[in-house]
Amino acid sequence: MKITEVTPIPLYGRTPDTGWDQGMDPDENLMTLIQVRTDEGITGIGSVFTSETLVRGALKLMRPYFIGENALEPERISEKLHQSTFWQGRGGTVAHAISGIDIALWDILGKATGQPVSRLLGGIYRDRIKPYGSILFEEPELLGPKLEAVVARGFKAIKMGWNPFGRVSSKMDEALVKTARQTVGPDVELMVDAGGSEQYWPQGYKWALQTSKMLADYDITWFEEALPPDDIEGFARLRDHAPLPITTGEVLTRRQSFMPWIERGAVDYIQPDVTKVGGLSEMRRISWQAYDHNILLVPHGWNTAVGLAADLQLSAAMPVARWVEYLTPSPYIEEIVTQPFTLDEEGLLKIPCEPGLGIKIDWDGVEKYSGMRLGD
């Protein structure tokens, strides 16, 4: 089964606000789907957390290395793409685009064999997992209603991040967290993402340590991106002294970038993004390395229904997994699949067990946000 074409599908119109200072126009393109076609009529779908302009350039670079390749060998092909393009930059846009191709190839392999990707990744440890609804902080008076809406959608865990947190004052930080805890009560898990990967992040280790103590007082589940994403020594010190779990990892690409963080013990939980890191092939390797070092992998998932489906398949195949990220609300998750994801009464997501990623794309929904008329 040979690869005949790889097509980028940009999504426009409902791009979420990312929390960066300059904001994000909904009509901008930040998320791109990847469709891989084969000579036997089976197609696969992948997702990339990168604009189509950059993805298209990466696909042009890699085209000689994937056209005509065997679509049933995702790990070999993805490694070939990494090895064949390193002089253009190890990681970054090229790795992001490889992520989308890799996810789509796993989808194809699952469809061709009649198996869910989770089984092909090694076996199914669970058929449900807890999603945490991922939102941005708002001013205290606006945060309460926003959280109530997330709880009304059935979420039993919520992550809040960016915007005022860490950018105004410690008094504001505590007001936000106190409002959140009072709004959702003691039984909903709350996570906090400072957003230290934002440009010119102003806070350092001592702020992070003091803030971690305040968060622990409100029973916050973890503290994410408290420091800039390259400060591995700062994270290691923070993990040693903070009274709650410390997490980061969403901006890193390729398994080799994660090795120092895992081996150094710089985090309690590591958060690679399957749509950036190199796809499921890289994510699986990172997952096992983290597992062997007693570090929990929690997928970063600020992306699409396809990225969420990939996270679910990986989470089913790992011995220990507790959460997946779920951007909410998000038309790129809820409106591009024929069977929307639903939470059960316990706030858990069922992991699809159908062949491939286990989802069916609503091509009318994709056309609505891409302007492209496509299909299986």
Protein backbone atom coordinates (compact mmCIF):
# COMPACT_ATOMS: atom_id res chain seq x y z
CA MET A 1 0.00 0.00 0.00
CA LYS A 2 1.78 3.11 -1.29
CA ILE A 3 1.40 6.77 -0.31
CA THR A 4 0.13 8.72 -3.31
CA GLU A 5 -0.59 12.15 -1.84
CA VAL A 6 -0.38 14.18 1.37
CA THR A 7 -2.72 17.17 1.57
CA PRO A 8 -2.73 19.96 4.17
CA ILE A 9 -6.19 21.18 5.25
CA PRO A 10 -6.11 24.53 7.09
CA LEU A 11 -8.84 25.36 9.59
CA TYR A 12 -10.10 28.94 9.75
CA GLY A 13 -12.93 30.88 11.36
CA ARG A 14 -12.93 29.58 14.94
CA THR A 15 -9.25 29.56 15.90
CA PRO A 16 -9.19 29.82 19.72
CA ASP A 17 -7.63 32.68 21.61
CA THR A 18 -4.21 31.42 22.66
CA GLY A 19 -3.61 33.88 25.48
CA TRP A 20 -0.58 35.45 23.82
CA ASP A 21 -0.29 39.23 24.23
CA GLN A 22 -1.27 39.94 20.65
CA GLY A 23 -4.29 37.64 20.84
CA MET A 24 -5.50 35.44 18.02
CA ASP A 25 -7.99 36.44 15.33
CA PRO A 26 -10.54 33.61 14.88
CA ASP A 27 -10.00 33.86 11.13
CA GLU A 28 -6.29 33.10 11.46
CA ASN A 29 -5.03 29.59 10.80
CA LEU A 30 -3.21 27.88 13.65
CA MET A 31 -4.40 24.28 13.25
CA THR A 32 -3.96 22.20 10.11
CA LEU A 33 -5.25 18.73 9.28
CA ILE A 34 -3.24 16.31 7.14
CA GLN A 35 -4.84 13.80 4.80
CA VAL A 36 -2.72 10.92 3.49
CA ARG A 37 -4.03 9.01 0.47
CA THR A 38 -2.91 5.58 -0.73
CA ASP A 39 -3.08 3.61 -3.97
CA GLU A 40 -5.51 1.15 -2.37
CA GLY A 41 -8.11 3.74 -1.49
CA ILE A 42 -7.53 3.83 2.27
CA THR A 43 -6.95 7.32 3.63
CA GLY A 44 -5.68 8.52 6.98
CA ILE A 45 -6.14 11.79 8.85
CA GLY A 46 -3.61 13.61 11.01
CA SER A 47 -3.39 16.95 12.80
CA VAL A 48 -0.68 19.61 13.15
CA PHE A 49 -0.63 22.47 15.66
CA THR A 50 0.97 24.79 13.09
CA SER A 51 -0.24 27.10 10.32
CA GLU A 52 -0.79 25.71 6.83
CA THR A 53 1.84 28.06 5.36
CA LEU A 54 4.56 26.40 7.40
CA VAL A 55 3.12 22.90 6.98
CA ARG A 56 2.95 23.27 3.22
CA GLY A 57 6.62 24.29 3.08
CA ALA A 58 7.61 21.29 5.20
CA LEU A 59 5.57 18.92 3.01
CA LYS A 60 7.30 20.27 -0.09
CA LEU A 61 10.67 19.61 1.54
CA MET A 62 9.71 16.06 2.54
CA ARG A 63 7.73 15.02 -0.54
CA PRO A 64 10.58 13.04 -2.15
CA TYR A 65 10.88 10.98 1.04
CA PHE A 66 7.23 9.95 1.51
CA ILE A 67 5.63 9.65 -1.94
CA GLY A 68 5.60 5.96 -2.93
CA GLU A 69 6.47 4.78 0.58
CA ASN A 70 4.65 1.89 2.26
CA ALA A 71 1.79 3.48 4.20
CA LEU A 72 1.66 0.53 6.61
CA GLU A 73 4.99 1.41 8.24
CA PRO A 74 4.44 4.64 10.19
CA GLU A 75 7.43 4.39 12.56
CA ARG A 76 9.93 3.64 9.79
CA ILE A 77 8.60 6.38 7.53
CA SER A 78 8.53 8.98 10.31
CA GLU A 79 12.09 8.13 11.31
CA LYS A 80 13.13 8.39 7.66
CA LEU A 81 11.59 11.86 7.50
CA HIS A 82 13.41 12.97 10.67
CA GLN A 83 16.72 11.55 9.45
CA SER A 84 16.35 12.99 5.93
CA THR A 85 15.59 16.57 6.96
CA PHE A 86 17.79 17.29 9.96
CA TRP A 87 19.90 19.84 8.07
CA GLN A 88 16.75 21.98 7.65
CA GLY A 89 16.32 22.18 11.41
CA ARG A 90 15.93 19.36 13.93
CA GLY A 91 12.46 19.92 15.32
CA GLY A 92 10.19 22.92 14.81
CA THR A 93 7.97 23.12 11.76
CA VAL A 94 9.38 20.00 10.09
CA ALA A 95 8.74 17.87 13.18
CA HIS A 96 5.26 19.37 13.48
CA ALA A 97 4.44 18.35 9.92
CA ILE A 98 5.89 14.87 10.47
CA SER A 99 3.49 14.63 13.41
CA GLY A 100 0.48 14.99 11.13
CA ILE A 101 1.80 12.48 8.61
CA ASP A 102 2.64 9.98 11.35
CA ILE A 103 -0.82 10.20 12.96
CA ALA A 104 -2.44 9.71 9.56
CA LEU A 105 -0.26 6.66 8.84
CA TRP A 106 -1.25 5.05 12.14
CA ASP A 107 -4.86 5.74 11.19
CA ILE A 108 -4.28 3.97 7.86
CA LEU A 109 -2.56 1.01 9.52
CA GLY A 110 -5.48 0.62 11.90
CA LYS A 111 -8.03 0.75 9.10
CA ALA A 112 -6.06 -1.71 6.96
CA THR A 113 -5.78 -4.23 9.81
CA GLY A 114 -9.22 -3.62 11.29
CA GLN A 115 -7.68 -2.69 14.66
CA PRO A 116 -7.76 0.41 16.87
CA VAL A 117 -4.45 2.24 16.97
CA SER A 118 -4.20 1.59 20.72
CA ARG A 119 -3.91 -2.16 20.11
CA LEU A 120 -1.26 -1.61 17.44
CA LEU A 121 0.69 0.59 19.88
CA GLY A 122 1.01 -2.40 22.19
CA GLY A 123 -2.31 -3.17 23.84
CA ILE A 124 -5.34 -1.71 25.55
CA TYR A 125 -5.01 -0.98 29.28
CA ARG A 126 -8.20 1.11 29.60
CA ASP A 127 -11.30 2.09 27.65
CA ARG A 128 -12.05 5.38 29.47
CA ILE A 129 -10.01 8.31 30.75
CA LYS A 130 -10.64 11.65 32.44
CA PRO A 131 -10.45 14.72 30.18
CA TYR A 132 -9.63 18.07 31.70
CA GLY A 133 -11.44 20.98 30.10
CA SER A 134 -8.81 23.50 29.09
CA ILE A 135 -9.68 27.22 29.28
CA LEU A 136 -7.96 30.58 29.66
CA PHE A 137 -8.14 32.62 32.84
CA GLU A 138 -10.41 35.67 32.87
CA GLU A 139 -10.81 38.46 35.40
CA PRO A 140 -12.39 37.05 38.59
CA GLU A 141 -15.86 38.39 37.81
CA LEU A 142 -15.83 36.64 34.42
CA LEU A 143 -14.06 33.46 35.49
CA GLY A 144 -16.90 32.11 37.63
CA PRO A 145 -19.51 31.95 34.82
CA LYS A 146 -16.92 30.50 32.45
CA LEU A 147 -16.12 27.69 34.89
CA GLU A 148 -19.81 27.02 35.52
CA ALA A 149 -20.28 26.47 31.79
CA VAL A 150 -17.43 23.95 31.70
CA VAL A 151 -18.85 22.05 34.66
CA ALA A 152 -22.27 22.06 32.98
CA ARG A 153 -20.68 20.25 30.03
CA GLY A 154 -19.79 17.41 32.37
CA PHE A 155 -16.10 18.04 33.09
CA LYS A 156 -14.77 16.86 36.45
CA ALA A 157 -11.34 18.41 35.85
CA ILE A 158 -10.50 21.87 34.50
CA LYS A 159 -7.22 23.55 33.62
CA MET A 160 -6.99 27.36 33.65
CA GLY A 161 -4.10 29.27 32.15
CA TRP A 162 -2.45 32.42 30.90
CA ASN A 163 -4.08 35.89 30.60
CA PRO A 164 -3.85 37.70 34.01
CA PHE A 165 -2.17 34.87 35.92
CA GLY A 166 1.45 35.71 36.75
CA ARG A 167 1.19 38.97 34.84
CA VAL A 168 -0.50 41.38 37.27
CA SER A 169 0.22 40.57 40.93
CA SER A 170 0.31 37.74 43.43
CA LYS A 171 -2.90 39.16 44.88
CA MET A 172 -4.58 38.75 41.49
CA ASP A 173 -3.23 35.22 41.13
CA GLU A 174 -4.77 34.16 44.43
CA ALA A 175 -8.05 35.93 43.65
CA LEU A 176 -8.33 33.91 40.43
CA VAL A 177 -7.59 30.59 42.09
CA LYS A 178 -9.86 31.34 45.06
CA THR A 179 -12.71 32.25 42.69
CA ALA A 180 -12.19 29.05 40.74
CA ARG A 181 -12.22 26.82 43.80
CA GLN A 182 -15.29 28.52 45.27
CA THR A 183 -17.10 28.19 41.94
CA VAL A 184 -16.51 24.50 41.22
CA GLY A 185 -16.36 23.21 44.78
CA PRO A 186 -14.05 20.58 46.26
CA ASP A 187 -14.86 17.67 43.95
CA VAL A 188 -13.70 19.10 40.61
CA GLU A 189 -9.96 18.88 39.93
CA LEU A 190 -8.32 22.20 39.07
CA MET A 191 -5.00 22.65 37.29
CA VAL A 192 -3.11 25.91 36.71
CA ASP A 193 -0.98 26.76 33.66
CA ALA A 194 1.07 29.92 34.12
CA GLY A 195 2.01 29.99 30.43
CA GLY A 196 5.74 30.46 30.92
CA SER A 197 6.32 29.80 27.22
CA GLU A 198 4.81 33.19 26.40
CA GLN A 199 7.27 35.68 24.94
CA TYR A 200 9.35 37.56 27.54
CA TRP A 201 7.96 35.62 30.51
CA PRO A 202 8.80 37.84 33.51
CA GLN A 203 8.68 35.38 36.43
CA GLY A 204 11.49 33.36 37.96
CA TYR A 205 12.10 30.54 40.40
CA LYS A 206 11.20 32.36 43.61
CA TRP A 207 7.86 33.54 42.20
CA ALA A 208 7.16 30.02 41.01
CA LEU A 209 7.99 28.50 44.39
CA GLN A 210 5.85 30.97 46.35
CA THR A 211 3.00 30.58 43.89
CA SER A 212 3.19 26.79 44.13
CA LYS A 213 2.58 27.05 47.89
CA MET A 214 -0.48 29.22 47.32
CA LEU A 215 -1.83 26.77 44.72
CA ALA A 216 -1.38 23.85 47.08
CA ASP A 217 -3.53 25.65 49.64
CA TYR A 218 -6.40 25.48 47.13
CA ASP A 219 -5.82 21.82 46.30
CA ILE A 220 -4.60 22.50 42.75
CA THR A 221 -3.70 19.26 40.96
CA TRP A 222 -0.59 20.57 39.17
CA PHE A 223 1.35 23.71 38.27
CA GLU A 224 2.22 23.92 34.58
CA GLU A 225 4.78 26.07 32.74
CA ALA A 226 5.73 28.08 35.80
CA LEU A 227 9.08 28.94 34.18
CA PRO A 228 10.37 29.49 30.61
CA PRO A 229 10.47 26.22 28.63
CA ASP A 230 14.28 26.05 28.43
CA ASP A 231 14.93 26.46 32.17
CA ILE A 232 15.48 22.80 32.95
CA GLU A 233 17.49 23.49 36.10
CA GLY A 234 14.83 25.85 37.40
CA PHE A 235 12.17 23.22 36.84
CA ALA A 236 14.28 20.59 38.58
CA ARG A 237 14.68 22.81 41.65
CA LEU A 238 11.00 23.68 41.60
CA ARG A 239 10.01 20.02 41.42
CA ASP A 240 12.22 19.29 44.43
CA HIS A 241 10.69 22.03 46.58
CA ALA A 242 7.13 22.70 45.38
CA PRO A 243 4.32 21.07 47.39
CA LEU A 244 2.38 20.01 44.28
CA PRO A 245 3.26 18.31 40.96
CA ILE A 246 5.19 20.36 38.38
CA THR A 247 4.62 19.96 34.63
CA THR A 248 5.82 21.24 31.25
CA GLY A 249 6.84 20.03 27.78
CA GLU A 250 4.35 21.24 25.18
CA VAL A 251 6.84 23.24 23.12
CA LEU A 252 9.48 20.49 22.81
CA THR A 253 9.78 18.37 19.67
CA ARG A 254 11.38 14.96 19.04
CA ARG A 255 12.03 12.36 21.70
CA GLN A 256 15.66 13.45 22.06
CA SER A 257 14.52 16.83 23.44
CA PHE A 258 12.56 15.12 26.20
CA MET A 259 15.35 12.81 27.35
CA PRO A 260 17.19 15.39 29.52
CA TRP A 261 13.96 16.45 31.24
CA ILE A 262 13.00 12.88 32.04
CA GLU A 263 16.47 11.68 33.04
CA ARG A 264 17.11 14.84 35.09
CA GLY A 265 13.80 14.37 36.92
CA ALA A 266 12.86 17.97 36.14
CA VAL A 267 9.09 17.36 36.23
CA ASP A 268 6.49 15.18 37.89
CA TYR A 269 4.42 15.01 34.69
CA ILE A 270 5.66 15.52 31.12
CA GLN A 271 3.34 17.01 28.47
CA PRO A 272 4.33 16.39 24.84
CA ASP A 273 1.87 17.42 22.13
CA VAL A 274 1.25 14.63 19.62
CA THR A 275 0.59 17.21 16.88
CA LYS A 276 4.03 18.79 17.38
CA VAL A 277 6.40 16.21 18.83
CA GLY A 278 6.58 13.87 15.83
CA GLY A 279 3.25 12.06 16.08
CA LEU A 280 2.31 8.85 17.82
CA SER A 281 5.60 7.17 16.95
CA GLU A 282 7.60 9.72 18.95
CA MET A 283 4.95 10.07 21.63
CA ARG A 284 4.99 6.34 22.34
CA ARG A 285 8.76 6.35 22.82
CA ILE A 286 8.59 9.36 25.14
CA SER A 287 5.76 7.72 27.06
CA TRP A 288 7.73 4.59 27.80
CA GLN A 289 10.85 6.50 28.73
CA ALA A 290 8.80 8.60 31.15
CA TYR A 291 7.12 5.48 32.54
CA ASP A 292 10.50 3.86 33.17
CA HIS A 293 11.52 6.96 35.16
CA ASN A 294 8.24 7.08 37.14
CA ILE A 295 7.14 10.30 35.42
CA LEU A 296 3.55 10.45 34.24
CA LEU A 297 2.87 11.45 30.64
CA VAL A 298 -0.14 13.75 30.26
CA PRO A 299 -0.83 14.64 26.60
CA HIS A 300 -0.97 18.34 25.75
CA GLY A 301 -3.98 18.74 23.47
CA TRP A 302 -4.73 22.34 22.47
CA ASN A 303 -5.80 21.16 19.03
CA THR A 304 -8.46 19.28 17.01
CA ALA A 305 -10.68 16.21 17.21
CA VAL A 306 -7.96 14.31 15.36
CA GLY A 307 -5.31 15.28 17.91
CA LEU A 308 -7.66 14.35 20.74
CA ALA A 309 -8.37 10.97 19.13
CA ALA A 310 -4.62 10.31 18.86
CA ASP A 311 -4.16 11.24 22.53
CA LEU A 312 -6.94 8.86 23.51
CA GLN A 313 -5.43 5.98 21.55
CA LEU A 314 -2.02 6.51 23.18
CA SER A 315 -3.59 6.86 26.62
CA ALA A 316 -5.30 3.49 26.17
CA ALA A 317 -1.96 1.86 25.35
CA MET A 318 0.03 3.11 28.37
CA PRO A 319 0.17 1.18 31.67
CA VAL A 320 -0.50 4.36 33.66
CA ALA A 321 -2.55 7.27 32.27
CA ARG A 322 -4.88 9.63 34.14
CA TRP A 323 -5.84 12.61 31.98
CA VAL A 324 -6.04 13.99 28.45
CA GLU A 325 -6.41 17.67 27.60
CA TYR A 326 -9.65 18.77 25.96
CA LEU A 327 -9.86 22.34 24.63
CA THR A 328 -13.39 23.51 25.41
CA PRO A 329 -15.51 24.68 23.79
CA SER A 330 -13.93 24.02 20.38
CA PRO A 331 -15.66 23.70 17.01
CA TYR A 332 -12.49 22.06 15.67
CA ILE A 333 -13.14 19.22 18.11
CA GLU A 334 -16.92 19.10 18.22
CA GLU A 335 -17.90 19.98 14.66
CA ILE A 336 -15.54 18.03 12.39
CA VAL A 337 -16.49 14.49 13.43
CA THR A 338 -19.75 12.65 12.74
CA GLN A 339 -19.95 11.30 16.30
CA PRO A 340 -19.01 14.01 18.82
CA PHE A 341 -17.07 13.11 21.94
CA THR A 342 -19.29 12.79 25.01
CA LEU A 343 -18.49 12.57 28.71
CA ASP A 344 -20.20 9.98 30.88
CA GLU A 345 -21.71 10.65 34.32
CA GLU A 346 -18.29 10.27 35.94
CA GLY A 347 -16.79 12.88 33.64
CA LEU A 348 -14.82 10.29 31.67
CA LEU A 349 -14.33 9.96 27.92
CA LYS A 350 -14.80 6.63 26.19
CA ILE A 351 -11.73 5.76 24.13
CA PRO A 352 -12.79 4.81 20.58
CA CYS A 353 -12.27 1.13 19.75
CA GLU A 354 -13.11 1.24 16.04
CA PRO A 355 -10.30 0.70 13.49
CA GLY A 356 -7.68 3.39 13.15
CA LEU A 357 -8.10 6.49 15.31
CA GLY A 358 -11.69 5.41 15.82
CA ILE A 359 -13.33 8.59 14.53
CA LYS A 360 -15.16 9.46 11.32
CA ILE A 361 -14.56 12.87 9.84
CA ASP A 362 -17.53 15.09 9.03
CA TRP A 363 -16.28 16.45 5.75
CA ASP A 364 -19.04 19.06 5.62
CA GLY A 365 -17.71 20.38 8.93
CA VAL A 366 -14.16 20.37 7.58
CA GLU A 367 -15.31 22.25 4.47
CA LYS A 368 -17.03 24.83 6.68
CA TYR A 369 -13.75 25.72 8.35
CA SER A 370 -11.29 25.05 5.54
CA GLY A 371 -13.14 26.02 2.37
CA MET A 372 -11.89 22.75 0.84
CA ARG A 373 -14.24 20.05 -0.47
CA LEU A 374 -12.66 16.74 0.43
CA GLY A 375 -13.68 13.24 1.50
CA ASP A 376 -12.37 9.80 2.32
